[in-house]
Amino acid sequence: MSADTRAPRPPAVIDAPSNLGLSPPVPGVVPGCYKLAGALRDCSFVRRLGADDAGCVTPPRYDRDGWKPGDGVFNAGAMASYTRRLAGRLGELLDAGRFPVVLGGDCSILLGAALALHRRGRYGLAFLDGHSDFRHPGNAPHVGAAAGEDLALVTGRGQADLTDIEGRRPYLPDDGIAVLGARDADEALTELAAAGIPVWEVSRLRAEGPADAARAALARLEAEDLAGFWVHLDVDILDPSVMPAVDSPDPDGISHQELVELLTPLIASPRCVGLEVTVFDPDLDPEGHLAHELTDTLLTALSR
């Protein structure tokens, strides 16, 4: 496609501290990822980015009382309500010419971004995650935690109260998705390939190099029939040796430097309209060292 000469959009940081899509780490304890935004703000993220502070979209109460496997996605009603509110706030920022940087929260906040984008047109998604999050009723005995199902949900796979809000199923098209950083052993890789969704799993990402993998993904994400694309980042894409403070710290992830190299070309694209960061759990980082390292990584990528 021809070069895009649109002016850069100033960043606006908005908190989406929802943990509605994650299972409790232990019985009776709510997931701590709702503290992600506060932890990064404690590292002066907003000031150092030079961003506008767009405030917070406060989520409903986390409550799985009475839920059992087979009941569908837990917290679905609360999540659908939150999705509409978050989409509204993101739409306001996009209408104002801002570049939203969303501090989650778990991966279910992707529903809010996807709904906001669908209200505006046809958009794509760079899905940076250590897992495909593609569990749905067609490939699993039951569903439950939306944070492990978010890519399936935003592409229209799953229960209607989450996939068809405002009659907009699917929010994002399969041919506008690129998955980067999933572990090589992810069970959904074959299904994603069958759906025509390309995956740069860790081995492929490293074979091509993170920056070149990102540029290859951009050939899809910058397609003429897309109005732009969103970047979803689950920090469990990082290896547990450098980022253990997540709910699923699986081995064989990438390094902070590799994440910078992967993120930088995506965010630098004039077709990129926003970024969300999810799943970091400050409860698992009592000294705050991991929050500072994550902040530095994000600011390095955003500043380039």
C-alpha atoms as a PDB file:
ATOM      1  CA  MET A   1       0.000   0.000   0.000  1.00  0.00           C
ATOM      2  CA  SER A   2       1.073   3.614  -0.390  1.00  0.00           C
ATOM      3  CA  ALA A   3       2.803   5.455   2.417  1.00  0.00           C
ATOM      4  CA  ASP A   4       0.522   6.804   5.116  1.00  0.00           C
ATOM      5  CA  THR A   5       1.311  10.398   6.042  1.00  0.00           C
ATOM      6  CA  ARG A   6      -1.186  10.906   8.847  1.00  0.00           C
ATOM      7  CA  ALA A   7       0.166  12.889  11.779  1.00  0.00           C
ATOM      8  CA  PRO A   8       0.974  10.996  14.989  1.00  0.00           C
ATOM      9  CA  ARG A   9      -1.821  10.936  17.545  1.00  0.00           C
ATOM     10  CA  PRO A  10      -0.958  12.041  21.103  1.00  0.00           C
ATOM     11  CA  PRO A  11      -1.215   9.195  23.634  1.00  0.00           C
ATOM     12  CA  ALA A  12      -3.876   9.097  26.318  1.00  0.00           C
ATOM     13  CA  VAL A  13      -3.578   6.581  29.148  1.00  0.00           C
ATOM     14  CA  ILE A  14      -6.815   5.053  30.395  1.00  0.00           C
ATOM     15  CA  ASP A  15      -7.185   2.412  33.090  1.00  0.00           C
ATOM     16  CA  ALA A  16      -9.394  -0.644  32.532  1.00  0.00           C
ATOM     17  CA  PRO A  17      -8.750  -2.568  35.770  1.00  0.00           C
ATOM     18  CA  SER A  18     -11.190  -5.399  35.139  1.00  0.00           C
ATOM     19  CA  ASN A  19     -10.365  -8.886  36.426  1.00  0.00           C
ATOM     20  CA  LEU A  20     -13.759 -10.328  35.447  1.00  0.00           C
ATOM     21  CA  GLY A  21     -12.271 -12.761  32.942  1.00  0.00           C
ATOM     22  CA  LEU A  22      -9.762 -14.611  35.125  1.00  0.00           C
ATOM     23  CA  SER A  23     -10.211 -17.557  37.465  1.00  0.00           C
ATOM     24  CA  PRO A  24      -9.277 -17.027  41.126  1.00  0.00           C
ATOM     25  CA  PRO A  25      -5.585 -17.778  41.766  1.00  0.00           C
ATOM     26  CA  VAL A  26      -6.681 -19.679  44.868  1.00  0.00           C
ATOM     27  CA  PRO A  27     -10.187 -20.209  46.241  1.00  0.00           C
ATOM     28  CA  GLY A  28     -11.632 -17.057  47.742  1.00  0.00           C
ATOM     29  CA  VAL A  29      -9.012 -14.696  46.282  1.00  0.00           C
ATOM     30  CA  VAL A  30      -9.744 -12.418  43.324  1.00  0.00           C
ATOM     31  CA  PRO A  31      -7.137 -12.105  40.547  1.00  0.00           C
ATOM     32  CA  GLY A  32      -4.668  -9.327  41.271  1.00  0.00           C
ATOM     33  CA  CYS A  33      -4.301  -8.061  37.698  1.00  0.00           C
ATOM     34  CA  TYR A  34      -6.746  -5.263  38.529  1.00  0.00           C
ATOM     35  CA  LYS A  35      -3.758  -3.579  40.213  1.00  0.00           C
ATOM     36  CA  LEU A  36      -1.738  -3.445  36.962  1.00  0.00           C
ATOM     37  CA  ALA A  37      -2.605   0.151  36.169  1.00  0.00           C
ATOM     38  CA  GLY A  38      -1.772   1.374  39.665  1.00  0.00           C
ATOM     39  CA  ALA A  39       1.575  -0.415  39.642  1.00  0.00           C
ATOM     40  CA  LEU A  40       2.611   1.143  36.318  1.00  0.00           C
ATOM     41  CA  ARG A  41       1.371   4.556  37.404  1.00  0.00           C
ATOM     42  CA  ASP A  42       3.544   4.170  40.528  1.00  0.00           C
ATOM     43  CA  CYS A  43       6.463   3.871  38.087  1.00  0.00           C
ATOM     44  CA  SER A  44       5.494   7.281  36.601  1.00  0.00           C
ATOM     45  CA  PHE A  45       4.275   5.665  33.396  1.00  0.00           C
ATOM     46  CA  VAL A  46       1.926   8.501  32.419  1.00  0.00           C
ATOM     47  CA  ARG A  47       4.413  11.292  33.133  1.00  0.00           C
ATOM     48  CA  ARG A  48       7.315   9.541  31.448  1.00  0.00           C
ATOM     49  CA  LEU A  49       5.207   8.815  28.372  1.00  0.00           C
ATOM     50  CA  GLY A  50       4.124  12.447  28.222  1.00  0.00           C
ATOM     51  CA  ALA A  51       0.534  11.288  27.837  1.00  0.00           C
ATOM     52  CA  ASP A  52      -2.832  12.740  28.695  1.00  0.00           C
ATOM     53  CA  ASP A  53      -4.445  11.057  31.691  1.00  0.00           C
ATOM     54  CA  ALA A  54      -7.834   9.783  30.509  1.00  0.00           C
ATOM     55  CA  GLY A  55      -8.844   8.388  33.889  1.00  0.00           C
ATOM     56  CA  CYS A  56     -10.366   5.025  34.700  1.00  0.00           C
ATOM     57  CA  VAL A  57     -13.319   2.885  33.623  1.00  0.00           C
ATOM     58  CA  THR A  58     -14.242   1.196  36.904  1.00  0.00           C
ATOM     59  CA  PRO A  59     -15.394  -2.429  36.528  1.00  0.00           C
ATOM     60  CA  PRO A  60     -18.272  -4.197  38.276  1.00  0.00           C
ATOM     61  CA  ARG A  61     -17.731  -6.489  41.257  1.00  0.00           C
ATOM     62  CA  TYR A  62     -15.958  -9.802  40.633  1.00  0.00           C
ATOM     63  CA  ASP A  63     -18.402 -12.533  41.637  1.00  0.00           C
ATOM     64  CA  ARG A  64     -18.285 -16.193  40.543  1.00  0.00           C
ATOM     65  CA  ASP A  65     -20.634 -17.351  43.283  1.00  0.00           C
ATOM     66  CA  GLY A  66     -22.675 -20.310  42.080  1.00  0.00           C
ATOM     67  CA  TRP A  67     -20.919 -20.659  38.728  1.00  0.00           C
ATOM     68  CA  LYS A  68     -20.038 -24.185  37.593  1.00  0.00           C
ATOM     69  CA  PRO A  69     -18.526 -25.662  34.424  1.00  0.00           C
ATOM     70  CA  GLY A  70     -21.170 -25.794  31.745  1.00  0.00           C
ATOM     71  CA  ASP A  71     -22.734 -22.469  32.732  1.00  0.00           C
ATOM     72  CA  GLY A  72     -20.852 -20.571  30.040  1.00  0.00           C
ATOM     73  CA  VAL A  73     -18.477 -17.669  30.635  1.00  0.00           C
ATOM     74  CA  PHE A  74     -18.522 -16.549  34.263  1.00  0.00           C
ATOM     75  CA  ASN A  75     -19.196 -12.886  35.013  1.00  0.00           C
ATOM     76  CA  ALA A  76     -20.648 -12.620  31.489  1.00  0.00           C
ATOM     77  CA  GLY A  77     -23.389 -10.139  32.350  1.00  0.00           C
ATOM     78  CA  ALA A  78     -21.027  -7.834  34.197  1.00  0.00           C
ATOM     79  CA  MET A  79     -18.473  -8.215  31.422  1.00  0.00           C
ATOM     80  CA  ALA A  80     -20.954  -7.282  28.704  1.00  0.00           C
ATOM     81  CA  SER A  81     -21.942  -4.152  30.622  1.00  0.00           C
ATOM     82  CA  TYR A  82     -18.301  -3.222  31.159  1.00  0.00           C
ATOM     83  CA  THR A  83     -17.510  -3.854  27.491  1.00  0.00           C
ATOM     84  CA  ARG A  84     -20.099  -1.266  26.435  1.00  0.00           C
ATOM     85  CA  ARG A  85     -18.793   1.341  28.876  1.00  0.00           C
ATOM     86  CA  LEU A  86     -15.156   0.797  27.983  1.00  0.00           C
ATOM     87  CA  ALA A  87     -16.011   0.903  24.276  1.00  0.00           C
ATOM     88  CA  GLY A  88     -17.742   4.227  24.796  1.00  0.00           C
ATOM     89  CA  ARG A  89     -14.745   5.779  26.529  1.00  0.00           C
ATOM     90  CA  LEU A  90     -12.315   4.456  23.934  1.00  0.00           C
ATOM     91  CA  GLY A  91     -14.535   5.747  21.159  1.00  0.00           C
ATOM     92  CA  GLU A  92     -14.409   9.231  22.684  1.00  0.00           C
ATOM     93  CA  LEU A  93     -10.604   9.124  22.733  1.00  0.00           C
ATOM     94  CA  LEU A  94     -10.409   7.900  19.152  1.00  0.00           C
ATOM     95  CA  ASP A  95     -12.882  10.570  18.033  1.00  0.00           C
ATOM     96  CA  ALA A  96     -10.667  13.182  19.719  1.00  0.00           C
ATOM     97  CA  GLY A  97      -7.647  12.022  17.731  1.00  0.00           C
ATOM     98  CA  ARG A  98      -5.920  10.361  20.671  1.00  0.00           C
ATOM     99  CA  PHE A  99      -3.883   7.134  20.756  1.00  0.00           C
ATOM    100  CA  PRO A 100      -5.354   5.153  23.682  1.00  0.00           C
ATOM    101  CA  VAL A 101      -2.912   3.246  25.872  1.00  0.00           C
ATOM    102  CA  VAL A 102      -5.112   1.001  28.009  1.00  0.00           C
ATOM    103  CA  LEU A 103      -3.758  -0.345  31.267  1.00  0.00           C
ATOM    104  CA  GLY A 104      -5.708  -3.495  32.216  1.00  0.00           C
ATOM    105  CA  GLY A 105      -6.965  -5.683  33.636  1.00  0.00           C
ATOM    106  CA  ASP A 106      -7.173  -9.142  32.189  1.00  0.00           C
ATOM    107  CA  CYS A 107      -7.506 -10.032  28.522  1.00  0.00           C
ATOM    108  CA  SER A 108     -11.299  -9.721  28.544  1.00  0.00           C
ATOM    109  CA  ILE A 109     -10.823  -5.949  28.152  1.00  0.00           C
ATOM    110  CA  LEU A 110     -10.106  -6.721  24.496  1.00  0.00           C
ATOM    111  CA  LEU A 111     -13.879  -6.970  24.072  1.00  0.00           C
ATOM    112  CA  GLY A 112     -14.212  -3.266  24.877  1.00  0.00           C
ATOM    113  CA  ALA A 113     -11.581  -2.255  22.351  1.00  0.00           C
ATOM    114  CA  ALA A 114     -13.028  -4.562  19.699  1.00  0.00           C
ATOM    115  CA  LEU A 115     -16.542  -3.178  20.157  1.00  0.00           C
ATOM    116  CA  ALA A 116     -15.244   0.396  19.997  1.00  0.00           C
ATOM    117  CA  LEU A 117     -13.455  -0.364  16.741  1.00  0.00           C
ATOM    118  CA  HIS A 118     -16.417  -2.128  15.159  1.00  0.00           C
ATOM    119  CA  ARG A 119     -18.578   0.920  15.873  1.00  0.00           C
ATOM    120  CA  ARG A 120     -16.129   2.894  13.718  1.00  0.00           C
ATOM    121  CA  GLY A 121     -15.506   0.494  10.841  1.00  0.00           C
ATOM    122  CA  ARG A 122     -13.473  -2.553   9.860  1.00  0.00           C
ATOM    123  CA  TYR A 123     -10.302  -2.927  11.935  1.00  0.00           C
ATOM    124  CA  GLY A 124      -7.577  -5.493  12.488  1.00  0.00           C
ATOM    125  CA  LEU A 125      -5.727  -6.783  15.527  1.00  0.00           C
ATOM    126  CA  ALA A 126      -2.109  -7.550  16.374  1.00  0.00           C
ATOM    127  CA  PHE A 127      -2.538 -10.151  19.112  1.00  0.00           C
ATOM    128  CA  LEU A 128       0.664 -10.376  21.192  1.00  0.00           C
ATOM    129  CA  ASP A 129       0.134 -13.080  23.775  1.00  0.00           C
ATOM    130  CA  GLY A 130       1.855 -16.149  25.160  1.00  0.00           C
ATOM    131  CA  HIS A 131      -1.362 -18.070  24.441  1.00  0.00           C
ATOM    132  CA  SER A 132      -3.802 -18.016  21.544  1.00  0.00           C
ATOM    133  CA  ASP A 133      -6.807 -17.475  23.871  1.00  0.00           C
ATOM    134  CA  PHE A 134      -8.895 -19.285  21.263  1.00  0.00           C
ATOM    135  CA  ARG A 135     -10.904 -21.626  23.491  1.00  0.00           C
ATOM    136  CA  HIS A 136     -14.582 -21.731  22.486  1.00  0.00           C
ATOM    137  CA  PRO A 137     -17.532 -24.146  22.575  1.00  0.00           C
ATOM    138  CA  GLY A 138     -16.445 -25.661  19.264  1.00  0.00           C
ATOM    139  CA  ASN A 139     -13.088 -26.891  20.550  1.00  0.00           C
ATOM    140  CA  ALA A 140     -13.504 -27.311  24.327  1.00  0.00           C
ATOM    141  CA  PRO A 141     -15.836 -29.293  26.613  1.00  0.00           C
ATOM    142  CA  HIS A 142     -16.814 -26.057  28.336  1.00  0.00           C
ATOM    143  CA  VAL A 143     -15.834 -22.393  28.571  1.00  0.00           C
ATOM    144  CA  GLY A 144     -15.549 -20.172  31.606  1.00  0.00           C
ATOM    145  CA  ALA A 145     -12.661 -17.723  31.868  1.00  0.00           C
ATOM    146  CA  ALA A 146     -12.981 -15.109  29.131  1.00  0.00           C
ATOM    147  CA  ALA A 147      -9.308 -14.199  29.532  1.00  0.00           C
ATOM    148  CA  GLY A 148      -8.514 -17.531  27.882  1.00  0.00           C
ATOM    149  CA  GLU A 149     -11.176 -17.030  25.231  1.00  0.00           C
ATOM    150  CA  ASP A 150     -10.852 -13.394  24.205  1.00  0.00           C
ATOM    151  CA  LEU A 151      -9.527 -13.940  20.683  1.00  0.00           C
ATOM    152  CA  ALA A 152     -12.319 -16.436  20.037  1.00  0.00           C
ATOM    153  CA  LEU A 153     -14.922 -14.035  21.436  1.00  0.00           C
ATOM    154  CA  VAL A 154     -13.873 -10.971  19.436  1.00  0.00           C
ATOM    155  CA  THR A 155     -13.895 -13.053  16.232  1.00  0.00           C
ATOM    156  CA  GLY A 156     -17.456 -14.201  16.928  1.00  0.00           C
ATOM    157  CA  ARG A 157     -16.891 -17.625  18.479  1.00  0.00           C
ATOM    158  CA  GLY A 158     -18.874 -18.064  21.670  1.00  0.00           C
ATOM    159  CA  GLN A 159     -22.037 -17.080  23.470  1.00  0.00           C
ATOM    160  CA  ALA A 160     -24.085 -14.283  21.960  1.00  0.00           C
ATOM    161  CA  ASP A 161     -24.236 -12.050  25.057  1.00  0.00           C
ATOM    162  CA  LEU A 162     -20.485 -11.469  24.625  1.00  0.00           C
ATOM    163  CA  THR A 163     -19.893 -12.011  20.900  1.00  0.00           C
ATOM    164  CA  ASP A 164     -22.924 -10.203  19.477  1.00  0.00           C
ATOM    165  CA  ILE A 165     -23.328  -7.026  21.526  1.00  0.00           C
ATOM    166  CA  GLU A 166     -25.373  -4.522  19.477  1.00  0.00           C
ATOM    167  CA  GLY A 167     -25.711  -7.205  16.781  1.00  0.00           C
ATOM    168  CA  ARG A 168     -22.071  -6.672  15.774  1.00  0.00           C
ATOM    169  CA  ARG A 169     -20.742 -10.246  15.578  1.00  0.00           C
ATOM    170  CA  PRO A 170     -17.869 -10.527  14.758  1.00  0.00           C
ATOM    171  CA  TYR A 171     -16.226  -7.403  16.081  1.00  0.00           C
ATOM    172  CA  LEU A 172     -12.976  -8.194  14.279  1.00  0.00           C
ATOM    173  CA  PRO A 173     -12.554 -10.210  11.051  1.00  0.00           C
ATOM    174  CA  ASP A 174     -10.389 -13.339  10.854  1.00  0.00           C
ATOM    175  CA  ASP A 175      -8.549 -11.896   7.859  1.00  0.00           C
ATOM    176  CA  GLY A 176      -7.496  -8.872   9.897  1.00  0.00           C
ATOM    177  CA  ILE A 177      -5.852 -10.813  12.744  1.00  0.00           C
ATOM    178  CA  ALA A 178      -2.153 -11.585  13.297  1.00  0.00           C
ATOM    179  CA  VAL A 179      -1.048 -13.622  16.347  1.00  0.00           C
ATOM    180  CA  LEU A 180       2.506 -13.132  17.599  1.00  0.00           C
ATOM    181  CA  GLY A 181       4.355 -14.772  20.479  1.00  0.00           C
ATOM    182  CA  ALA A 182       2.160 -17.780  21.279  1.00  0.00           C
ATOM    183  CA  ARG A 183       4.028 -20.748  22.693  1.00  0.00           C
ATOM    184  CA  ASP A 184       4.931 -23.447  20.187  1.00  0.00           C
ATOM    185  CA  ALA A 185       2.845 -26.032  22.051  1.00  0.00           C
ATOM    186  CA  ASP A 186      -0.373 -24.004  21.910  1.00  0.00           C
ATOM    187  CA  GLU A 187      -3.220 -26.379  21.094  1.00  0.00           C
ATOM    188  CA  ALA A 188      -5.058 -23.925  18.833  1.00  0.00           C
ATOM    189  CA  LEU A 189      -2.304 -23.328  16.273  1.00  0.00           C
ATOM    190  CA  THR A 190      -3.768 -25.798  13.779  1.00  0.00           C
ATOM    191  CA  GLU A 191      -7.259 -24.362  14.129  1.00  0.00           C
ATOM    192  CA  LEU A 192      -5.965 -20.813  13.699  1.00  0.00           C
ATOM    193  CA  ALA A 193      -4.162 -21.842  10.513  1.00  0.00           C
ATOM    194  CA  ALA A 194      -7.358 -23.457   9.216  1.00  0.00           C
ATOM    195  CA  ALA A 195      -9.194 -20.187   9.874  1.00  0.00           C
ATOM    196  CA  GLY A 196      -6.569 -18.300   7.868  1.00  0.00           C
ATOM    197  CA  ILE A 197      -5.166 -16.505  10.914  1.00  0.00           C
ATOM    198  CA  PRO A 198      -1.351 -16.416  10.713  1.00  0.00           C
ATOM    199  CA  VAL A 199       0.647 -17.177  13.833  1.00  0.00           C
ATOM    200  CA  TRP A 200       4.223 -16.240  14.549  1.00  0.00           C
ATOM    201  CA  GLU A 201       4.776 -18.670  17.412  1.00  0.00           C
ATOM    202  CA  VAL A 202       7.950 -18.195  19.459  1.00  0.00           C
ATOM    203  CA  SER A 203      10.148 -20.435  17.289  1.00  0.00           C
ATOM    204  CA  ARG A 204       9.010 -18.734  14.068  1.00  0.00           C
ATOM    205  CA  LEU A 205       9.282 -15.306  15.639  1.00  0.00           C
ATOM    206  CA  ARG A 206      12.874 -16.004  16.611  1.00  0.00           C
ATOM    207  CA  ALA A 207      13.749 -17.600  13.271  1.00  0.00           C
ATOM    208  CA  GLU A 208      12.561 -14.498  11.411  1.00  0.00           C
ATOM    209  CA  GLY A 209      13.581 -12.030  14.112  1.00  0.00           C
ATOM    210  CA  PRO A 210      10.962 -10.116  16.139  1.00  0.00           C
ATOM    211  CA  ALA A 211      11.214  -6.905  14.094  1.00  0.00           C
ATOM    212  CA  ASP A 212      10.945  -8.728  10.782  1.00  0.00           C
ATOM    213  CA  ALA A 213       8.040 -10.798  12.111  1.00  0.00           C
ATOM    214  CA  ALA A 214       6.254  -7.590  13.077  1.00  0.00           C
ATOM    215  CA  ARG A 215       6.862  -6.124   9.621  1.00  0.00           C
ATOM    216  CA  ALA A 216       5.523  -9.299   8.014  1.00  0.00           C
ATOM    217  CA  ALA A 217       2.403  -9.029  10.166  1.00  0.00           C
ATOM    218  CA  LEU A 218       2.032  -5.389   9.115  1.00  0.00           C
ATOM    219  CA  ALA A 219       1.608  -6.501   5.514  1.00  0.00           C
ATOM    220  CA  ARG A 220      -1.712  -7.978   6.699  1.00  0.00           C
ATOM    221  CA  LEU A 221      -2.632  -5.386   9.318  1.00  0.00           C
ATOM    222  CA  GLU A 222      -2.108  -2.439   6.950  1.00  0.00           C
ATOM    223  CA  ALA A 223      -4.410  -3.895   4.281  1.00  0.00           C
ATOM    224  CA  GLU A 224      -6.405  -1.343   2.287  1.00  0.00           C
ATOM    225  CA  ASP A 225      -9.738  -2.784   3.457  1.00  0.00           C
ATOM    226  CA  LEU A 226      -8.896  -2.160   7.114  1.00  0.00           C
ATOM    227  CA  ALA A 227      -9.322   1.267   8.699  1.00  0.00           C
ATOM    228  CA  GLY A 228      -6.440   0.500  11.082  1.00  0.00           C
ATOM    229  CA  PHE A 229      -5.496  -1.987  13.764  1.00  0.00           C
ATOM    230  CA  TRP A 230      -5.262  -2.372  17.533  1.00  0.00           C
ATOM    231  CA  VAL A 231      -2.424  -3.959  19.529  1.00  0.00           C
ATOM    232  CA  HIS A 232      -3.284  -6.360  22.355  1.00  0.00           C
ATOM    233  CA  LEU A 233      -0.395  -7.221  24.684  1.00  0.00           C
ATOM    234  CA  ASP A 234      -0.636  -9.904  27.348  1.00  0.00           C
ATOM    235  CA  VAL A 235       2.606  -9.730  29.289  1.00  0.00           C
ATOM    236  CA  ASP A 236       2.667 -13.513  29.665  1.00  0.00           C
ATOM    237  CA  ILE A 237       4.275 -13.374  26.226  1.00  0.00           C
ATOM    238  CA  LEU A 238       7.442 -12.826  28.295  1.00  0.00           C
ATOM    239  CA  ASP A 239       9.346 -15.775  29.683  1.00  0.00           C
ATOM    240  CA  PRO A 240       8.726 -16.501  33.397  1.00  0.00           C
ATOM    241  CA  SER A 241      12.416 -15.962  34.060  1.00  0.00           C
ATOM    242  CA  VAL A 242      11.797 -12.237  33.468  1.00  0.00           C
ATOM    243  CA  MET A 243       8.029 -12.009  34.073  1.00  0.00           C
ATOM    244  CA  PRO A 244       6.688 -14.548  36.570  1.00  0.00           C
ATOM    245  CA  ALA A 245       3.908 -12.242  37.811  1.00  0.00           C
ATOM    246  CA  VAL A 246       1.149 -13.572  35.555  1.00  0.00           C
ATOM    247  CA  ASP A 247      -1.582 -16.161  36.002  1.00  0.00           C
ATOM    248  CA  SER A 248      -0.054 -18.660  33.508  1.00  0.00           C
ATOM    249  CA  PRO A 249       3.754 -18.336  33.616  1.00  0.00           C
ATOM    250  CA  ASP A 250       4.526 -20.947  30.955  1.00  0.00           C
ATOM    251  CA  PRO A 251       8.154 -21.507  29.889  1.00  0.00           C
ATOM    252  CA  ASP A 252       9.743 -20.690  26.537  1.00  0.00           C
ATOM    253  CA  GLY A 253       8.551 -17.109  26.225  1.00  0.00           C
ATOM    254  CA  ILE A 254      10.447 -14.124  24.878  1.00  0.00           C
ATOM    255  CA  SER A 255      12.724 -11.552  26.504  1.00  0.00           C
ATOM    256  CA  HIS A 256      12.083  -7.887  27.214  1.00  0.00           C
ATOM    257  CA  GLN A 257      14.395  -6.906  24.344  1.00  0.00           C
ATOM    258  CA  GLU A 258      12.555  -9.198  21.946  1.00  0.00           C
ATOM    259  CA  LEU A 259       9.272  -7.650  23.052  1.00  0.00           C
ATOM    260  CA  VAL A 260      10.620  -4.157  22.357  1.00  0.00           C
ATOM    261  CA  GLU A 261      11.713  -5.267  18.878  1.00  0.00           C
ATOM    262  CA  LEU A 262       8.291  -6.805  18.247  1.00  0.00           C
ATOM    263  CA  LEU A 263       6.209  -3.922  19.576  1.00  0.00           C
ATOM    264  CA  THR A 264       8.152  -1.033  18.090  1.00  0.00           C
ATOM    265  CA  PRO A 265       7.298  -1.484  14.374  1.00  0.00           C
ATOM    266  CA  LEU A 266       3.664  -2.210  15.195  1.00  0.00           C
ATOM    267  CA  ILE A 267       3.160   0.887  17.345  1.00  0.00           C
ATOM    268  CA  ALA A 268       5.135   3.025  14.888  1.00  0.00           C
ATOM    269  CA  SER A 269       2.741   2.195  12.058  1.00  0.00           C
ATOM    270  CA  PRO A 270       0.468   5.137  11.250  1.00  0.00           C
ATOM    271  CA  ARG A 271      -2.341   2.562  10.949  1.00  0.00           C
ATOM    272  CA  CYS A 272      -1.994   1.519  14.604  1.00  0.00           C
ATOM    273  CA  VAL A 273      -4.791   3.181  16.592  1.00  0.00           C
ATOM    274  CA  GLY A 274      -4.162   1.978  20.151  1.00  0.00           C
ATOM    275  CA  LEU A 275      -2.558  -0.439  22.589  1.00  0.00           C
ATOM    276  CA  GLU A 276      -3.740  -2.395  25.617  1.00  0.00           C
ATOM    277  CA  VAL A 277      -1.590  -4.073  28.279  1.00  0.00           C
ATOM    278  CA  THR A 278      -2.971  -6.958  30.309  1.00  0.00           C
ATOM    279  CA  VAL A 279      -2.465  -9.683  32.948  1.00  0.00           C
ATOM    280  CA  PHE A 280       0.519  -8.391  34.956  1.00  0.00           C
ATOM    281  CA  ASP A 281      -0.300  -9.164  38.613  1.00  0.00           C
ATOM    282  CA  PRO A 282       1.360  -6.839  41.154  1.00  0.00           C
ATOM    283  CA  ASP A 283       0.389  -9.233  43.954  1.00  0.00           C
ATOM    284  CA  LEU A 284       3.174 -11.449  42.590  1.00  0.00           C
ATOM    285  CA  ASP A 285       5.661  -8.555  42.511  1.00  0.00           C
ATOM    286  CA  PRO A 286       5.809  -7.382  46.136  1.00  0.00           C
ATOM    287  CA  GLU A 287       9.037  -5.410  45.701  1.00  0.00           C
ATOM    288  CA  GLY A 288       7.893  -3.727  42.486  1.00  0.00           C
ATOM    289  CA  HIS A 289      10.943  -4.689  40.422  1.00  0.00           C
ATOM    290  CA  LEU A 290       8.919  -6.361  37.677  1.00  0.00           C
ATOM    291  CA  ALA A 291       6.606  -3.353  37.355  1.00  0.00           C
ATOM    292  CA  HIS A 292       9.595  -1.078  36.761  1.00  0.00           C
ATOM    293  CA  GLU A 293      11.043  -3.433  34.142  1.00  0.00           C
ATOM    294  CA  LEU A 294       7.708  -3.697  32.351  1.00  0.00           C
ATOM    295  CA  THR A 295       7.293   0.077  32.434  1.00  0.00           C
ATOM    296  CA  ASP A 296      10.748   0.573  30.918  1.00  0.00           C
ATOM    297  CA  THR A 297       9.999  -1.935  28.155  1.00  0.00           C
ATOM    298  CA  LEU A 298       6.689  -0.327  27.248  1.00  0.00           C
ATOM    299  CA  LEU A 299       8.109   3.190  27.262  1.00  0.00           C
ATOM    300  CA  THR A 300      11.045   2.140  25.092  1.00  0.00           C
ATOM    301  CA  ALA A 301       8.705   0.721  22.471  1.00  0.00           C
ATOM    302  CA  LEU A 302       6.269   3.640  22.655  1.00  0.00           C
ATOM    303  CA  SER A 303       8.986   6.302  22.514  1.00  0.00           C
ATOM    304  CA  ARG A 304      10.432   4.952  19.269  1.00  0.00           C
END
